Amino acid sequence: MFPFSPTFSFGRSDHDEISILAPVFQCCMIRHSTFVKLVKLYLGPEKLSTLMRKSMMADKANPILAEKHIRALDRRVVKILTTIHDCIQSNPYTDVILDDFY
């Protein structure tokens, strides 16, 4: 079986492993450029799922991810932004969103 066939699993699309956000919610720090990118992936003009679909179309192994996994990407972006929002509610904005423009 080809390793990227539709039966190949990338984990559970219905489960969002929150523990991987530990560095964000423990330190409550994120670079401004990363924060801006996450907001753009949420608001658009192109969401993460749209960008992933476009990227996969150019791949000979398409479809790499099932649609349910692609939809999970947008849901997970929201969870990351929610974690950042929670940090900002507890800490000064300038302590959470770190200036990385030189």
N, C-alpha and C. Protein backbone atom coordinates (compact mmCIF):
# COMPACT_ATOMS: atom_id res chain seq x y z
N MET A 1 0.84 -1.18 0.00
CA MET A 1 0.00 0.00 0.00
C MET A 1 0.89 1.24 0.00
N PHE A 2 0.55 2.20 -0.82
CA PHE A 2 1.27 3.47 -0.88
C PHE A 2 1.07 4.21 0.43
N PRO A 3 2.12 4.73 1.08
CA PRO A 3 1.98 5.31 2.42
C PRO A 3 1.07 6.53 2.52
N PHE A 4 0.77 7.17 1.41
CA PHE A 4 -0.07 8.36 1.48
C PHE A 4 -1.47 8.11 0.91
N SER A 5 -1.87 6.86 0.94
CA SER A 5 -3.21 6.55 0.45
C SER A 5 -4.24 7.08 1.43
N PRO A 6 -5.49 7.23 1.02
CA PRO A 6 -6.54 7.75 1.92
C PRO A 6 -6.70 6.93 3.19
N THR A 7 -6.21 5.69 3.21
CA THR A 7 -6.34 4.89 4.42
C THR A 7 -5.21 5.16 5.41
N PHE A 8 -4.17 5.85 4.97
CA PHE A 8 -3.07 6.21 5.87
C PHE A 8 -3.58 7.25 6.86
N SER A 9 -3.27 7.08 8.13
CA SER A 9 -3.83 7.96 9.15
C SER A 9 -2.86 9.04 9.61
N PHE A 10 -3.37 10.25 9.75
CA PHE A 10 -2.61 11.36 10.32
C PHE A 10 -3.12 11.67 11.72
N GLY A 11 -3.64 10.69 12.39
CA GLY A 11 -4.18 10.91 13.72
C GLY A 11 -5.67 11.17 13.68
N ARG A 12 -6.17 11.58 14.80
CA ARG A 12 -7.61 11.79 14.93
C ARG A 12 -7.98 13.22 14.59
N SER A 13 -8.78 13.39 13.59
CA SER A 13 -9.21 14.73 13.19
C SER A 13 -10.18 15.33 14.20
N ASP A 14 -10.79 14.48 15.00
CA ASP A 14 -11.79 14.96 15.97
C ASP A 14 -11.20 15.24 17.35
N HIS A 15 -9.90 15.07 17.49
CA HIS A 15 -9.25 15.30 18.79
C HIS A 15 -8.15 16.34 18.63
N ASP A 16 -8.22 17.39 19.42
CA ASP A 16 -7.20 18.44 19.41
C ASP A 16 -6.36 18.29 20.67
N GLU A 17 -5.13 17.91 20.50
CA GLU A 17 -4.23 17.68 21.64
C GLU A 17 -3.78 19.03 22.20
N ILE A 18 -4.39 19.42 23.29
CA ILE A 18 -4.14 20.73 23.89
C ILE A 18 -2.75 20.81 24.54
N SER A 19 -2.19 19.69 24.94
CA SER A 19 -0.89 19.72 25.63
C SER A 19 0.21 20.32 24.75
N ILE A 20 0.05 20.28 23.43
CA ILE A 20 1.09 20.86 22.58
C ILE A 20 1.10 22.38 22.67
N LEU A 21 0.05 22.96 23.25
CA LEU A 21 0.01 24.41 23.47
C LEU A 21 0.64 24.82 24.80
N ALA A 22 1.19 23.87 25.54
CA ALA A 22 1.76 24.16 26.85
C ALA A 22 2.76 25.32 26.83
N PRO A 23 3.68 25.39 25.87
CA PRO A 23 4.60 26.53 25.87
C PRO A 23 3.88 27.88 25.75
N VAL A 24 2.78 27.90 25.04
CA VAL A 24 2.05 29.16 24.89
C VAL A 24 1.33 29.51 26.18
N PHE A 25 0.55 28.57 26.75
CA PHE A 25 -0.22 28.95 27.93
C PHE A 25 0.61 28.97 29.21
N GLN A 26 1.79 28.35 29.22
CA GLN A 26 2.64 28.43 30.41
C GLN A 26 3.47 29.72 30.40
N CYS A 27 4.02 30.07 29.26
CA CYS A 27 4.86 31.26 29.17
C CYS A 27 4.07 32.51 28.78
N CYS A 28 2.96 32.30 28.09
CA CYS A 28 2.14 33.42 27.61
C CYS A 28 2.97 34.43 26.82
N MET A 29 3.76 33.91 25.88
CA MET A 29 4.56 34.77 25.01
C MET A 29 4.52 34.22 23.60
N ILE A 30 4.38 35.14 22.64
CA ILE A 30 4.41 34.75 21.24
C ILE A 30 4.93 35.94 20.45
N ARG A 31 5.69 35.66 19.42
CA ARG A 31 6.21 36.74 18.58
C ARG A 31 5.06 37.42 17.84
N HIS A 32 5.20 38.72 17.68
CA HIS A 32 4.19 39.50 16.96
C HIS A 32 3.96 38.94 15.55
N SER A 33 5.04 38.62 14.86
CA SER A 33 4.92 38.11 13.48
C SER A 33 4.16 36.78 13.45
N THR A 34 4.36 35.93 14.44
CA THR A 34 3.63 34.66 14.53
C THR A 34 2.16 34.92 14.81
N PHE A 35 1.90 35.85 15.72
CA PHE A 35 0.52 36.21 16.05
C PHE A 35 -0.21 36.75 14.82
N VAL A 36 0.43 37.62 14.08
CA VAL A 36 -0.18 38.20 12.88
C VAL A 36 -0.48 37.09 11.86
N LYS A 37 0.44 36.18 11.68
CA LYS A 37 0.23 35.07 10.75
C LYS A 37 -0.96 34.22 11.18
N LEU A 38 -1.08 33.92 12.46
CA LEU A 38 -2.21 33.13 12.96
C LEU A 38 -3.53 33.86 12.73
N VAL A 39 -3.54 35.16 12.97
CA VAL A 39 -4.77 35.94 12.75
C VAL A 39 -5.14 35.90 11.26
N LYS A 40 -4.16 36.03 10.38
CA LYS A 40 -4.44 35.96 8.94
C LYS A 40 -4.96 34.58 8.54
N LEU A 41 -4.42 33.53 9.16
CA LEU A 41 -4.89 32.19 8.85
C LEU A 41 -6.31 31.96 9.36
N TYR A 42 -6.72 32.77 10.32
CA TYR A 42 -8.09 32.69 10.84
C TYR A 42 -9.05 33.57 10.04
N LEU A 43 -8.67 34.82 9.84
CA LEU A 43 -9.55 35.79 9.18
C LEU A 43 -9.49 35.75 7.66
N GLY A 44 -8.38 35.34 7.13
CA GLY A 44 -8.22 35.35 5.69
C GLY A 44 -7.33 36.51 5.26
N PRO A 45 -7.17 36.70 4.00
CA PRO A 45 -8.08 36.33 2.94
C PRO A 45 -8.14 34.83 2.65
N GLU A 46 -7.11 34.08 3.04
CA GLU A 46 -7.16 32.64 2.86
C GLU A 46 -6.90 31.95 4.19
N LYS A 47 -7.83 31.11 4.58
CA LYS A 47 -7.67 30.36 5.82
C LYS A 47 -6.65 29.24 5.62
N LEU A 48 -6.18 28.70 6.73
CA LEU A 48 -5.19 27.63 6.67
C LEU A 48 -5.69 26.46 5.84
N SER A 49 -6.95 26.10 5.98
CA SER A 49 -7.49 24.97 5.21
C SER A 49 -7.42 25.24 3.70
N THR A 50 -7.70 26.47 3.31
CA THR A 50 -7.66 26.83 1.88
C THR A 50 -6.23 26.74 1.36
N LEU A 51 -5.29 27.26 2.13
CA LEU A 51 -3.88 27.20 1.73
C LEU A 51 -3.40 25.76 1.64
N MET A 52 -3.84 24.92 2.56
CA MET A 52 -3.43 23.51 2.54
C MET A 52 -4.01 22.80 1.32
N ARG A 53 -5.28 23.06 1.02
CA ARG A 53 -5.89 22.44 -0.17
C ARG A 53 -5.11 22.83 -1.43
N LYS A 54 -4.77 24.12 -1.56
CA LYS A 54 -4.03 24.59 -2.73
C LYS A 54 -2.66 23.92 -2.81
N SER A 55 -2.00 23.81 -1.68
CA SER A 55 -0.68 23.20 -1.63
C SER A 55 -0.75 21.73 -2.02
N MET A 56 -1.75 21.04 -1.54
CA MET A 56 -1.87 19.61 -1.83
C MET A 56 -2.20 19.36 -3.30
N MET A 57 -2.90 20.26 -3.94
CA MET A 57 -3.27 20.07 -5.35
C MET A 57 -2.04 19.95 -6.24
N ALA A 58 -0.95 20.58 -5.82
CA ALA A 58 0.28 20.53 -6.61
C ALA A 58 1.13 19.30 -6.28
N ASP A 59 0.71 18.50 -5.33
CA ASP A 59 1.49 17.35 -4.89
C ASP A 59 1.03 16.09 -5.61
N LYS A 60 1.97 15.32 -6.11
CA LYS A 60 1.64 14.08 -6.82
C LYS A 60 0.97 13.06 -5.91
N ALA A 61 1.16 13.20 -4.61
CA ALA A 61 0.56 12.26 -3.65
C ALA A 61 -0.82 12.73 -3.18
N ASN A 62 -1.37 13.74 -3.82
CA ASN A 62 -2.68 14.27 -3.44
C ASN A 62 -3.74 13.18 -3.58
N PRO A 63 -4.64 13.01 -2.66
CA PRO A 63 -4.83 13.81 -1.44
C PRO A 63 -3.97 13.28 -0.30
N ILE A 64 -3.22 14.16 0.30
CA ILE A 64 -2.37 13.78 1.43
C ILE A 64 -3.20 13.73 2.70
N LEU A 65 -4.06 14.71 2.88
CA LEU A 65 -4.94 14.77 4.04
C LEU A 65 -6.39 14.61 3.61
N ALA A 66 -7.15 13.89 4.41
CA ALA A 66 -8.59 13.79 4.18
C ALA A 66 -9.23 15.12 4.55
N GLU A 67 -10.39 15.40 3.99
CA GLU A 67 -11.09 16.66 4.23
C GLU A 67 -11.32 16.91 5.72
N LYS A 68 -11.63 15.88 6.47
CA LYS A 68 -11.88 16.07 7.91
C LYS A 68 -10.62 16.57 8.62
N HIS A 69 -9.45 16.17 8.16
CA HIS A 69 -8.19 16.65 8.75
C HIS A 69 -7.92 18.09 8.34
N ILE A 70 -8.29 18.44 7.12
CA ILE A 70 -8.10 19.81 6.66
C ILE A 70 -9.00 20.76 7.44
N ARG A 71 -10.25 20.36 7.65
CA ARG A 71 -11.18 21.21 8.43
C ARG A 71 -10.68 21.37 9.87
N ALA A 72 -10.03 20.34 10.39
CA ALA A 72 -9.50 20.41 11.75
C ALA A 72 -8.43 21.49 11.89
N LEU A 73 -7.73 21.79 10.82
CA LEU A 73 -6.69 22.83 10.87
C LEU A 73 -7.27 24.17 11.29
N ASP A 74 -8.39 24.56 10.68
CA ASP A 74 -9.01 25.84 11.03
C ASP A 74 -9.49 25.85 12.47
N ARG A 75 -10.05 24.74 12.91
CA ARG A 75 -10.52 24.65 14.29
C ARG A 75 -9.34 24.80 15.28
N ARG A 76 -8.23 24.25 14.91
CA ARG A 76 -7.05 24.30 15.79
C ARG A 76 -6.42 25.69 15.81
N VAL A 77 -6.49 26.41 14.71
CA VAL A 77 -6.02 27.81 14.70
C VAL A 77 -6.83 28.60 15.71
N VAL A 78 -8.13 28.37 15.75
CA VAL A 78 -9.00 29.06 16.72
C VAL A 78 -8.56 28.73 18.14
N LYS A 79 -8.21 27.49 18.41
CA LYS A 79 -7.78 27.11 19.77
C LYS A 79 -6.48 27.79 20.16
N ILE A 80 -5.58 27.94 19.21
CA ILE A 80 -4.33 28.64 19.50
C ILE A 80 -4.62 30.11 19.81
N LEU A 81 -5.44 30.73 18.98
CA LEU A 81 -5.79 32.14 19.21
C LEU A 81 -6.55 32.33 20.51
N THR A 82 -7.38 31.38 20.88
CA THR A 82 -8.09 31.45 22.15
C THR A 82 -7.12 31.40 23.32
N THR A 83 -6.11 30.55 23.20
CA THR A 83 -5.09 30.47 24.24
C THR A 83 -4.34 31.79 24.37
N ILE A 84 -4.00 32.39 23.24
CA ILE A 84 -3.31 33.69 23.26
C ILE A 84 -4.23 34.75 23.87
N HIS A 85 -5.50 34.73 23.52
CA HIS A 85 -6.47 35.66 24.08
C HIS A 85 -6.53 35.52 25.61
N ASP A 86 -6.56 34.30 26.09
CA ASP A 86 -6.59 34.05 27.53
C ASP A 86 -5.34 34.64 28.20
N CYS A 87 -4.20 34.50 27.55
CA CYS A 87 -2.96 35.08 28.08
C CYS A 87 -3.06 36.60 28.17
N ILE A 88 -3.62 37.21 27.13
CA ILE A 88 -3.74 38.68 27.11
C ILE A 88 -4.72 39.15 28.18
N GLN A 89 -5.71 38.34 28.51
CA GLN A 89 -6.65 38.71 29.56
C GLN A 89 -5.99 38.71 30.93
N SER A 90 -4.92 37.92 31.09
CA SER A 90 -4.24 37.79 32.38
C SER A 90 -2.95 38.59 32.49
N ASN A 91 -2.45 39.07 31.37
CA ASN A 91 -1.15 39.73 31.34
C ASN A 91 -1.21 40.95 30.43
N PRO A 92 -0.28 41.89 30.62
CA PRO A 92 -0.23 43.02 29.69
C PRO A 92 0.06 42.54 28.27
N TYR A 93 -0.62 43.14 27.31
CA TYR A 93 -0.48 42.78 25.89
C TYR A 93 0.99 42.75 25.49
N THR A 94 1.75 43.75 25.91
CA THR A 94 3.16 43.86 25.50
C THR A 94 4.03 42.77 26.11
N ASP A 95 3.55 42.12 27.18
CA ASP A 95 4.28 40.99 27.76
C ASP A 95 3.96 39.69 27.02
N VAL A 96 2.82 39.65 26.35
CA VAL A 96 2.39 38.43 25.64
C VAL A 96 2.82 38.47 24.17
N ILE A 97 2.52 39.57 23.50
CA ILE A 97 2.87 39.73 22.08
C ILE A 97 4.20 40.45 22.01
N LEU A 98 5.26 39.71 21.71
CA LEU A 98 6.60 40.26 21.73
C LEU A 98 6.99 40.86 20.39
N ASP A 99 7.49 42.07 20.44
CA ASP A 99 7.93 42.78 19.24
C ASP A 99 9.16 42.07 18.67
N ASP A 100 9.05 41.62 17.44
CA ASP A 100 10.19 40.97 16.80
C ASP A 100 10.57 41.67 15.49
N PHE A 101 10.13 42.90 15.33
CA PHE A 101 10.50 43.68 14.15
C PHE A 101 11.70 44.54 14.49
N TYR A 102 12.72 44.41 13.71
CA TYR A 102 13.97 45.11 14.01
C TYR A 102 14.16 46.27 13.09
